[in-house]
Amino acid sequence: MAGFTSCDNCLHYVWDEYEEYYYCDIDLDEDDMVRFLKGTMKGCPHFKLDDEYAIVRKQN
């Protein structure tokens, strides 16, 4: 399970322009959702750093 410091830095934390709020676009399974809602999830298994400059570094 990957650790994380903040959903704000995650690639899957996206802005909904229609509803005007951020949300996680990963569909959690039932067990992960229960752990998330209880606050017992130690880290997000789906966390991926939102590094908008990664593609630029690959081009060099």
Protein backbone atom coordinates (compact mmCIF):
# COMPACT_ATOMS: atom_id res chain seq x y z
CA MET A 1 0.00 0.00 0.00
CA ALA A 2 1.48 3.34 -0.98
CA GLY A 3 1.65 6.04 1.62
CA PHE A 4 0.37 9.50 1.00
CA THR A 5 0.49 12.88 2.67
CA SER A 6 -2.45 14.60 1.03
CA CYS A 7 -5.13 13.91 -1.54
CA ASP A 8 -4.37 17.41 -2.88
CA ASN A 9 -1.21 15.98 -4.49
CA CYS A 10 -2.89 12.96 -6.06
CA LEU A 11 -3.50 12.54 -9.78
CA HIS A 12 -6.95 11.05 -9.03
CA TYR A 13 -8.14 14.08 -7.02
CA VAL A 14 -9.96 16.05 -9.72
CA TRP A 15 -12.06 19.21 -9.94
CA ASP A 16 -15.69 18.85 -10.98
CA GLU A 17 -16.52 22.06 -12.84
CA TYR A 18 -20.25 21.40 -12.77
CA GLU A 19 -20.52 20.72 -9.02
CA GLU A 20 -17.56 22.99 -8.17
CA TYR A 21 -15.70 20.69 -5.78
CA TYR A 22 -12.80 18.24 -5.77
CA TYR A 23 -13.38 14.49 -5.58
CA CYS A 24 -11.45 11.24 -5.90
CA ASP A 25 -12.25 9.58 -9.22
CA ILE A 26 -11.15 6.09 -8.08
CA ASP A 27 -13.94 3.61 -7.40
CA LEU A 28 -13.02 2.09 -4.04
CA ASP A 29 -14.10 -1.45 -3.32
CA GLU A 30 -16.37 -2.03 -0.33
CA ASP A 31 -13.54 -2.86 2.10
CA ASP A 32 -11.48 0.20 1.14
CA MET A 33 -14.56 2.44 1.40
CA VAL A 34 -15.31 1.19 4.93
CA ARG A 35 -11.69 1.82 5.99
CA PHE A 36 -11.78 5.27 4.39
CA LEU A 37 -15.05 6.27 6.07
CA LYS A 38 -13.89 4.97 9.47
CA GLY A 39 -10.60 6.83 9.09
CA THR A 40 -8.55 3.66 9.55
CA MET A 41 -6.95 3.68 6.10
CA LYS A 42 -3.20 4.21 6.66
CA GLY A 43 -2.42 5.01 3.05
CA CYS A 44 -4.15 5.05 -0.27
CA PRO A 45 -3.38 2.08 -2.53
CA HIS A 46 -4.30 4.22 -5.55
CA PHE A 47 -2.21 7.32 -4.73
CA LYS A 48 -0.24 8.59 -7.70
CA LEU A 49 1.67 11.85 -7.50
CA ASP A 50 0.23 14.50 -9.81
CA ASP A 51 3.50 15.60 -11.40
CA GLU A 52 2.48 17.89 -14.24
CA TYR A 53 6.11 18.37 -15.31
CA ALA A 54 6.94 14.66 -15.70
CA ILE A 55 6.22 14.68 -19.44
CA VAL A 56 8.56 17.66 -19.93
CA ARG A 57 11.42 15.84 -18.19
CA LYS A 58 10.87 12.80 -20.43
CA GLN A 59 11.25 14.94 -23.54
CA ASN A 60 14.80 16.04 -22.60
